[in-house]
Every structure is written in C-alpha cells, then in structure tokens.
Amino acid sequence: MELAQHKLFTIDTNIKVYFCDPKSPWQKGTNENTNKLLRQYMPKKTDLSVYSQEQLDMMAEELNDRPRKTLNFLSPSQKILAVLQ
C-alpha cells in the first residue's frame, strides 16, 4: 500500500522508483543492510505493538542520522535535505 502511488511520487519529485524481483536480495542491498541495523534494536519477528510511537521514532531518527557509504558518507536525512533544496 505504501507504494501504491509510486507513479505520482515520481511525477511530483522527479525521483524514479524501482522494484526488486521477488526472492532477489542481491538487488536490494540497502534494504538488507537496514534490516540488519534494525536488528540492533529488535529481533526478527518482533511484535511492534510493544513499542511506543516515541520509541519507534527514536529508532528511525538514529538510523536516519547514521552516515552511509552509499551516500558519500552523508546520513539519509542529510541526503534528502540536499535533494530537496
């Protein structure tokens, strides 16, 4: 559901959306790496309802403030700000 309007997103932002083939983890390295980073906070198959929205927001903020090699050592939040300017 979250990508149901990907064509509209591309039109509005001029950012292309790509979809990986099923059962092809080599096509989604950043996603796999992010999943690994999330495991620092919670194990696989964790019930997210045990966390408050504040706790989930804190986890997301920490991950988005972490520099990434694929972004020339900018954090995702720094990169999105640069793209939007």
PDB file of N, CA and C in Angstrom:
ATOM      1  N   MET A   1       0.816  -1.208   0.000  1.00  0.00           N
ATOM      2  CA  MET A   1       0.000   0.000   0.000  1.00  0.00           C
ATOM      3  C   MET A   1       0.857   1.268   0.000  1.00  0.00           C
ATOM      4  N   GLU A   2       2.017   1.237   0.697  1.00  0.00           N
ATOM      5  CA  GLU A   2       2.778   2.477   0.810  1.00  0.00           C
ATOM      6  C   GLU A   2       3.347   2.948  -0.524  1.00  0.00           C
ATOM      7  N   LEU A   3       3.452   2.054  -1.504  1.00  0.00           N
ATOM      8  CA  LEU A   3       3.968   2.462  -2.810  1.00  0.00           C
ATOM      9  C   LEU A   3       2.895   2.422  -3.897  1.00  0.00           C
ATOM     10  N   ALA A   4       1.655   2.414  -3.495  1.00  0.00           N
ATOM     11  CA  ALA A   4       0.552   2.329  -4.451  1.00  0.00           C
ATOM     12  C   ALA A   4       0.542   3.515  -5.415  1.00  0.00           C
ATOM     13  N   GLN A   5       1.034   4.655  -4.968  1.00  0.00           N
ATOM     14  CA  GLN A   5       1.036   5.851  -5.809  1.00  0.00           C
ATOM     15  C   GLN A   5       2.449   6.217  -6.260  1.00  0.00           C
ATOM     16  N   HIS A   6       3.259   5.202  -6.535  1.00  0.00           N
ATOM     17  CA  HIS A   6       4.649   5.460  -6.907  1.00  0.00           C
ATOM     18  C   HIS A   6       4.776   6.284  -8.179  1.00  0.00           C
ATOM     19  N   LYS A   7       3.858   6.143  -9.108  1.00  0.00           N
ATOM     20  CA  LYS A   7       3.925   6.938 -10.338  1.00  0.00           C
ATOM     21  C   LYS A   7       3.710   8.420 -10.032  1.00  0.00           C
ATOM     22  N   LEU A   8       2.774   8.719  -9.160  1.00  0.00           N
ATOM     23  CA  LEU A   8       2.540  10.105  -8.755  1.00  0.00           C
ATOM     24  C   LEU A   8       3.754  10.665  -8.018  1.00  0.00           C
ATOM     25  N   PHE A   9       4.357   9.850  -7.157  1.00  0.00           N
ATOM     26  CA  PHE A   9       5.567  10.265  -6.448  1.00  0.00           C
ATOM     27  C   PHE A   9       6.664  10.632  -7.447  1.00  0.00           C
ATOM     28  N   THR A  10       6.855   9.796  -8.480  1.00  0.00           N
ATOM     29  CA  THR A  10       7.877  10.059  -9.485  1.00  0.00           C
ATOM     30  C   THR A  10       7.589  11.350 -10.233  1.00  0.00           C
ATOM     31  N   ILE A  11       6.349  11.573 -10.585  1.00  0.00           N
ATOM     32  CA  ILE A  11       5.976  12.808 -11.280  1.00  0.00           C
ATOM     33  C   ILE A  11       6.224  14.025 -10.395  1.00  0.00           C
ATOM     34  N   ASP A  12       5.823  13.953  -9.144  1.00  0.00           N
ATOM     35  CA  ASP A  12       5.948  15.090  -8.221  1.00  0.00           C
ATOM     36  C   ASP A  12       7.388  15.404  -7.836  1.00  0.00           C
ATOM     37  N   THR A  13       8.239  14.372  -7.746  1.00  0.00           N
ATOM     38  CA  THR A  13       9.592  14.569  -7.222  1.00  0.00           C
ATOM     39  C   THR A  13      10.698  14.382  -8.248  1.00  0.00           C
ATOM     40  N   ASN A  14      10.356  13.841  -9.403  1.00  0.00           N
ATOM     41  CA  ASN A  14      11.345  13.501 -10.432  1.00  0.00           C
ATOM     42  C   ASN A  14      12.348  12.463  -9.913  1.00  0.00           C
ATOM     43  N   ILE A  15      11.901  11.612  -8.974  1.00  0.00           N
ATOM     44  CA  ILE A  15      12.720  10.531  -8.431  1.00  0.00           C
ATOM     45  C   ILE A  15      12.098   9.212  -8.895  1.00  0.00           C
ATOM     46  N   LYS A  16      12.890   8.413  -9.614  1.00  0.00           N
ATOM     47  CA  LYS A  16      12.386   7.134 -10.107  1.00  0.00           C
ATOM     48  C   LYS A  16      12.251   6.131  -8.965  1.00  0.00           C
ATOM     49  N   VAL A  17      11.239   5.292  -9.048  1.00  0.00           N
ATOM     50  CA  VAL A  17      11.006   4.226  -8.071  1.00  0.00           C
ATOM     51  C   VAL A  17      11.290   2.900  -8.763  1.00  0.00           C
ATOM     52  N   TYR A  18      12.106   2.088  -8.127  1.00  0.00           N
ATOM     53  CA  TYR A  18      12.440   0.773  -8.666  1.00  0.00           C
ATOM     54  C   TYR A  18      11.910  -0.306  -7.733  1.00  0.00           C
ATOM     55  N   PHE A  19      11.488  -1.420  -8.310  1.00  0.00           N
ATOM     56  CA  PHE A  19      11.026  -2.560  -7.534  1.00  0.00           C
ATOM     57  C   PHE A  19      11.939  -3.744  -7.817  1.00  0.00           C
ATOM     58  N   CYS A  20      12.381  -4.398  -6.771  1.00  0.00           N
ATOM     59  CA  CYS A  20      13.243  -5.575  -6.910  1.00  0.00           C
ATOM     60  C   CYS A  20      12.400  -6.790  -7.266  1.00  0.00           C
ATOM     61  N   ASP A  21      13.056  -7.747  -7.901  1.00  0.00           N
ATOM     62  CA  ASP A  21      12.398  -9.007  -8.192  1.00  0.00           C
ATOM     63  C   ASP A  21      12.239  -9.802  -6.899  1.00  0.00           C
ATOM     64  N   PRO A  22      11.139 -10.551  -6.770  1.00  0.00           N
ATOM     65  CA  PRO A  22      10.950 -11.381  -5.569  1.00  0.00           C
ATOM     66  C   PRO A  22      12.100 -12.370  -5.391  1.00  0.00           C
ATOM     67  N   LYS A  23      12.451 -12.632  -4.149  1.00  0.00           N
ATOM     68  CA  LYS A  23      13.497 -13.598  -3.796  1.00  0.00           C
ATOM     69  C   LYS A  23      14.833 -13.257  -4.435  1.00  0.00           C
ATOM     70  N   SER A  24      15.154 -11.955  -4.505  1.00  0.00           N
ATOM     71  CA  SER A  24      16.416 -11.493  -5.094  1.00  0.00           C
ATOM     72  C   SER A  24      17.078 -10.486  -4.166  1.00  0.00           C
ATOM     73  N   PRO A  25      17.566 -10.928  -2.995  1.00  0.00           N
ATOM     74  CA  PRO A  25      18.118  -9.993  -2.021  1.00  0.00           C
ATOM     75  C   PRO A  25      19.329  -9.209  -2.522  1.00  0.00           C
ATOM     76  N   TRP A  26      20.050  -9.729  -3.529  1.00  0.00           N
ATOM     77  CA  TRP A  26      21.205  -9.023  -4.068  1.00  0.00           C
ATOM     78  C   TRP A  26      20.796  -7.735  -4.786  1.00  0.00           C
ATOM     79  N   GLN A  27      19.516  -7.599  -5.122  1.00  0.00           N
ATOM     80  CA  GLN A  27      19.028  -6.397  -5.791  1.00  0.00           C
ATOM     81  C   GLN A  27      18.662  -5.294  -4.800  1.00  0.00           C
ATOM     82  N   LYS A  28      18.680  -5.604  -3.529  1.00  0.00           N
ATOM     83  CA  LYS A  28      18.227  -4.630  -2.532  1.00  0.00           C
ATOM     84  C   LYS A  28      19.187  -4.557  -1.352  1.00  0.00           C
ATOM     85  N   GLY A  29      20.435  -4.264  -1.654  1.00  0.00           N
ATOM     86  CA  GLY A  29      21.473  -4.220  -0.638  1.00  0.00           C
ATOM     87  C   GLY A  29      21.186  -3.242   0.491  1.00  0.00           C
ATOM     88  N   THR A  30      20.724  -2.044   0.162  1.00  0.00           N
ATOM     89  CA  THR A  30      20.449  -1.054   1.204  1.00  0.00           C
ATOM     90  C   THR A  30      19.332  -1.531   2.114  1.00  0.00           C
ATOM     91  N   ASN A  31      18.311  -2.143   1.541  1.00  0.00           N
ATOM     92  CA  ASN A  31      17.210  -2.662   2.342  1.00  0.00           C
ATOM     93  C   ASN A  31      17.693  -3.764   3.281  1.00  0.00           C
ATOM     94  N   GLU A  32      18.505  -4.668   2.758  1.00  0.00           N
ATOM     95  CA  GLU A  32      19.032  -5.759   3.586  1.00  0.00           C
ATOM     96  C   GLU A  32      19.922  -5.202   4.692  1.00  0.00           C
ATOM     97  N   ASN A  33      20.729  -4.188   4.371  1.00  0.00           N
ATOM     98  CA  ASN A  33      21.594  -3.570   5.378  1.00  0.00           C
ATOM     99  C   ASN A  33      20.756  -2.878   6.447  1.00  0.00           C
ATOM    100  N   THR A  34      19.704  -2.192   6.044  1.00  0.00           N
ATOM    101  CA  THR A  34      18.835  -1.508   7.010  1.00  0.00           C
ATOM    102  C   THR A  34      18.155  -2.521   7.925  1.00  0.00           C
ATOM    103  N   ASN A  35      17.722  -3.642   7.355  1.00  0.00           N
ATOM    104  CA  ASN A  35      17.134  -4.704   8.187  1.00  0.00           C
ATOM    105  C   ASN A  35      18.132  -5.173   9.233  1.00  0.00           C
ATOM    106  N   LYS A  36      19.398  -5.329   8.827  1.00  0.00           N
ATOM    107  CA  LYS A  36      20.443  -5.744   9.767  1.00  0.00           C
ATOM    108  C   LYS A  36      20.613  -4.698  10.875  1.00  0.00           C
ATOM    109  N   LEU A  37      20.575  -3.421  10.504  1.00  0.00           N
ATOM    110  CA  LEU A  37      20.707  -2.360  11.505  1.00  0.00           C
ATOM    111  C   LEU A  37      19.507  -2.350  12.462  1.00  0.00           C
ATOM    112  N   LEU A  38      18.327  -2.621  11.941  1.00  0.00           N
ATOM    113  CA  LEU A  38      17.131  -2.674  12.797  1.00  0.00           C
ATOM    114  C   LEU A  38      17.233  -3.779  13.829  1.00  0.00           C
ATOM    115  N   ARG A  39      17.931  -4.867  13.489  1.00  0.00           N
ATOM    116  CA  ARG A  39      18.089  -5.983  14.419  1.00  0.00           C
ATOM    117  C   ARG A  39      18.892  -5.575  15.657  1.00  0.00           C
ATOM    118  N   GLN A  40      19.596  -4.436  15.595  1.00  0.00           N
ATOM    119  CA  GLN A  40      20.287  -3.924  16.785  1.00  0.00           C
ATOM    120  C   GLN A  40      19.276  -3.453  17.828  1.00  0.00           C
ATOM    121  N   TYR A  41      18.080  -3.115  17.372  1.00  0.00           N
ATOM    122  CA  TYR A  41      17.030  -2.628  18.264  1.00  0.00           C
ATOM    123  C   TYR A  41      16.037  -3.721  18.648  1.00  0.00           C
ATOM    124  N   MET A  42      15.768  -4.607  17.696  1.00  0.00           N
ATOM    125  CA  MET A  42      14.744  -5.629  17.945  1.00  0.00           C
ATOM    126  C   MET A  42      15.025  -6.874  17.111  1.00  0.00           C
ATOM    127  N   PRO A  43      14.778  -8.039  17.665  1.00  0.00           N
ATOM    128  CA  PRO A  43      14.995  -9.263  16.887  1.00  0.00           C
ATOM    129  C   PRO A  43      13.931  -9.446  15.808  1.00  0.00           C
ATOM    130  N   LYS A  44      14.236 -10.314  14.869  1.00  0.00           N
ATOM    131  CA  LYS A  44      13.310 -10.640  13.790  1.00  0.00           C
ATOM    132  C   LYS A  44      11.978 -11.128  14.370  1.00  0.00           C
ATOM    133  N   LYS A  45      10.884 -10.782  13.706  1.00  0.00           N
ATOM    134  CA  LYS A  45       9.516 -11.179  14.082  1.00  0.00           C
ATOM    135  C   LYS A  45       9.050 -10.549  15.400  1.00  0.00           C
ATOM    136  N   THR A  46       9.661  -9.434  15.787  1.00  0.00           N
ATOM    137  CA  THR A  46       9.238  -8.718  16.987  1.00  0.00           C
ATOM    138  C   THR A  46       7.863  -8.095  16.762  1.00  0.00           C
ATOM    139  N   ASP A  47       7.021  -8.158  17.746  1.00  0.00           N
ATOM    140  CA  ASP A  47       5.711  -7.505  17.709  1.00  0.00           C
ATOM    141  C   ASP A  47       5.927  -6.014  17.966  1.00  0.00           C
ATOM    142  N   LEU A  48       5.733  -5.198  16.942  1.00  0.00           N
ATOM    143  CA  LEU A  48       5.989  -3.761  17.071  1.00  0.00           C
ATOM    144  C   LEU A  48       5.014  -3.067  18.020  1.00  0.00           C
ATOM    145  N   SER A  49       3.913  -3.711  18.335  1.00  0.00           N
ATOM    146  CA  SER A  49       2.932  -3.084  19.228  1.00  0.00           C
ATOM    147  C   SER A  49       3.458  -2.941  20.658  1.00  0.00           C
ATOM    148  N   VAL A  50       4.562  -3.623  20.972  1.00  0.00           N
ATOM    149  CA  VAL A  50       5.122  -3.490  22.317  1.00  0.00           C
ATOM    150  C   VAL A  50       5.948  -2.208  22.458  1.00  0.00           C
ATOM    151  N   TYR A  51       6.196  -1.530  21.336  1.00  0.00           N
ATOM    152  CA  TYR A  51       6.953  -0.279  21.350  1.00  0.00           C
ATOM    153  C   TYR A  51       6.007   0.907  21.209  1.00  0.00           C
ATOM    154  N   SER A  52       6.329   1.980  21.887  1.00  0.00           N
ATOM    155  CA  SER A  52       5.541   3.212  21.729  1.00  0.00           C
ATOM    156  C   SER A  52       5.962   3.897  20.434  1.00  0.00           C
ATOM    157  N   GLN A  53       5.124   4.785  19.946  1.00  0.00           N
ATOM    158  CA  GLN A  53       5.467   5.550  18.747  1.00  0.00           C
ATOM    159  C   GLN A  53       6.732   6.364  18.994  1.00  0.00           C
ATOM    160  N   GLU A  54       6.882   6.863  20.204  1.00  0.00           N
ATOM    161  CA  GLU A  54       8.078   7.635  20.554  1.00  0.00           C
ATOM    162  C   GLU A  54       9.343   6.773  20.423  1.00  0.00           C
ATOM    163  N   GLN A  55       9.268   5.526  20.878  1.00  0.00           N
ATOM    164  CA  GLN A  55      10.423   4.624  20.774  1.00  0.00           C
ATOM    165  C   GLN A  55      10.741   4.307  19.306  1.00  0.00           C
ATOM    166  N   LEU A  56       9.720   4.060  18.515  1.00  0.00           N
ATOM    167  CA  LEU A  56       9.928   3.775  17.097  1.00  0.00           C
ATOM    168  C   LEU A  56      10.505   4.990  16.379  1.00  0.00           C
ATOM    169  N   ASP A  57      10.005   6.175  16.725  1.00  0.00           N
ATOM    170  CA  ASP A  57      10.539   7.407  16.135  1.00  0.00           C
ATOM    171  C   ASP A  57      12.004   7.597  16.498  1.00  0.00           C
ATOM    172  N   MET A  58      12.375   7.267  17.719  1.00  0.00           N
ATOM    173  CA  MET A  58      13.768   7.389  18.160  1.00  0.00           C
ATOM    174  C   MET A  58      14.661   6.442  17.354  1.00  0.00           C
ATOM    175  N   MET A  59      14.206   5.214  17.149  1.00  0.00           N
ATOM    176  CA  MET A  59      14.974   4.257  16.352  1.00  0.00           C
ATOM    177  C   MET A  59      15.155   4.776  14.925  1.00  0.00           C
ATOM    178  N   ALA A  60      14.076   5.269  14.343  1.00  0.00           N
ATOM    179  CA  ALA A  60      14.143   5.787  12.970  1.00  0.00           C
ATOM    180  C   ALA A  60      15.087   6.981  12.892  1.00  0.00           C
ATOM    181  N   GLU A  61      15.023   7.866  13.862  1.00  0.00           N
ATOM    182  CA  GLU A  61      15.900   9.041  13.862  1.00  0.00           C
ATOM    183  C   GLU A  61      17.368   8.630  13.958  1.00  0.00           C
ATOM    184  N   GLU A  62      17.669   7.671  14.828  1.00  0.00           N
ATOM    185  CA  GLU A  62      19.051   7.212  14.963  1.00  0.00           C
ATOM    186  C   GLU A  62      19.554   6.587  13.660  1.00  0.00           C
ATOM    187  N   LEU A  63      18.712   5.796  13.015  1.00  0.00           N
ATOM    188  CA  LEU A  63      19.113   5.191  11.740  1.00  0.00           C
ATOM    189  C   LEU A  63      19.274   6.239  10.651  1.00  0.00           C
ATOM    190  N   ASN A  64      18.393   7.235  10.610  1.00  0.00           N
ATOM    191  CA  ASN A  64      18.460   8.267   9.577  1.00  0.00           C
ATOM    192  C   ASN A  64      19.578   9.269   9.817  1.00  0.00           C
ATOM    193  N   ASP A  65      20.141   9.288  11.009  1.00  0.00           N
ATOM    194  CA  ASP A  65      21.270  10.175  11.298  1.00  0.00           C
ATOM    195  C   ASP A  65      22.610   9.476  11.128  1.00  0.00           C
ATOM    196  N   ARG A  66      22.591   8.223  10.738  1.00  0.00           N
ATOM    197  CA  ARG A  66      23.810   7.436  10.587  1.00  0.00           C
ATOM    198  C   ARG A  66      24.379   7.624   9.177  1.00  0.00           C
ATOM    199  N   PRO A  67      25.638   8.065   9.052  1.00  0.00           N
ATOM    200  CA  PRO A  67      26.228   8.241   7.706  1.00  0.00           C
ATOM    201  C   PRO A  67      26.296   6.916   6.950  1.00  0.00           C
ATOM    202  N   ARG A  68      26.132   6.995   5.637  1.00  0.00           N
ATOM    203  CA  ARG A  68      26.156   5.799   4.788  1.00  0.00           C
ATOM    204  C   ARG A  68      27.188   5.958   3.680  1.00  0.00           C
ATOM    205  N   LYS A  69      27.959   4.931   3.464  1.00  0.00           N
ATOM    206  CA  LYS A  69      28.967   4.940   2.406  1.00  0.00           C
ATOM    207  C   LYS A  69      28.308   5.197   1.051  1.00  0.00           C
ATOM    208  N   THR A  70      27.151   4.569   0.820  1.00  0.00           N
ATOM    209  CA  THR A  70      26.454   4.725  -0.466  1.00  0.00           C
ATOM    210  C   THR A  70      25.958   6.145  -0.709  1.00  0.00           C
ATOM    211  N   LEU A  71      25.946   6.975   0.331  1.00  0.00           N
ATOM    212  CA  LEU A  71      25.519   8.377   0.211  1.00  0.00           C
ATOM    213  C   LEU A  71      26.714   9.317   0.385  1.00  0.00           C
ATOM    214  N   ASN A  72      27.912   8.824   0.032  1.00  0.00           N
ATOM    215  CA  ASN A  72      29.141   9.607   0.206  1.00  0.00           C
ATOM    216  C   ASN A  72      29.308  10.074   1.640  1.00  0.00           C
ATOM    217  N   PHE A  73      28.975   9.192   2.557  1.00  0.00           N
ATOM    218  CA  PHE A  73      29.113   9.397   3.998  1.00  0.00           C
ATOM    219  C   PHE A  73      28.232  10.524   4.543  1.00  0.00           C
ATOM    220  N   LEU A  74      27.156  10.813   3.831  1.00  0.00           N
ATOM    221  CA  LEU A  74      26.090  11.660   4.377  1.00  0.00           C
ATOM    222  C   LEU A  74      25.090  10.733   5.043  1.00  0.00           C
ATOM    223  N   SER A  75      24.329  11.267   5.963  1.00  0.00           N
ATOM    224  CA  SER A  75      23.238  10.487   6.545  1.00  0.00           C
ATOM    225  C   SER A  75      22.035  10.565   5.597  1.00  0.00           C
ATOM    226  N   PRO A  76      21.103   9.626   5.675  1.00  0.00           N
ATOM    227  CA  PRO A  76      19.905   9.721   4.834  1.00  0.00           C
ATOM    228  C   PRO A  76      19.164  11.050   5.022  1.00  0.00           C
ATOM    229  N   SER A  77      19.090  11.538   6.253  1.00  0.00           N
ATOM    230  CA  SER A  77      18.387  12.812   6.473  1.00  0.00           C
ATOM    231  C   SER A  77      19.136  13.969   5.823  1.00  0.00           C
ATOM    232  N   GLN A  78      20.473  13.939   5.839  1.00  0.00           N
ATOM    233  CA  GLN A  78      21.248  14.987   5.166  1.00  0.00           C
ATOM    234  C   GLN A  78      21.061  14.905   3.652  1.00  0.00           C
ATOM    235  N   LYS A  79      21.051  13.686   3.124  1.00  0.00           N
ATOM    236  CA  LYS A  79      20.906  13.489   1.676  1.00  0.00           C
ATOM    237  C   LYS A  79      19.551  13.960   1.198  1.00  0.00           C
ATOM    238  N   ILE A  80      18.483  13.619   1.899  1.00  0.00           N
ATOM    239  CA  ILE A  80      17.152  14.035   1.441  1.00  0.00           C
ATOM    240  C   ILE A  80      17.014  15.551   1.505  1.00  0.00           C
ATOM    241  N   LEU A  81      17.620  16.189   2.507  1.00  0.00           N
ATOM    242  CA  LEU A  81      17.592  17.647   2.579  1.00  0.00           C
ATOM    243  C   LEU A  81      18.335  18.264   1.386  1.00  0.00           C
ATOM    244  N   ALA A  82      19.464  17.662   1.023  1.00  0.00           N
ATOM    245  CA  ALA A  82      20.233  18.164  -0.118  1.00  0.00           C
ATOM    246  C   ALA A  82      19.450  18.010  -1.411  1.00  0.00           C
ATOM    247  N   VAL A  83      18.763  16.883  -1.573  1.00  0.00           N
ATOM    248  CA  VAL A  83      17.979  16.644  -2.795  1.00  0.00           C
ATOM    249  C   VAL A  83      16.802  17.610  -2.881  1.00  0.00           C
ATOM    250  N   LEU A  84      16.196  17.919  -1.752  1.00  0.00           N
ATOM    251  CA  LEU A  84      15.014  18.785  -1.753  1.00  0.00           C
ATOM    252  C   LEU A  84      15.350  20.272  -1.903  1.00  0.00           C
ATOM    253  N   GLN A  85      16.607  20.632  -1.761  1.00  0.00           N
ATOM    254  CA  GLN A  85      16.984  22.059  -1.911  1.00  0.00           C
ATOM    255  C   GLN A  85      17.216  22.436  -3.340  1.00  0.00           C
TER     256      GLN A  85
END
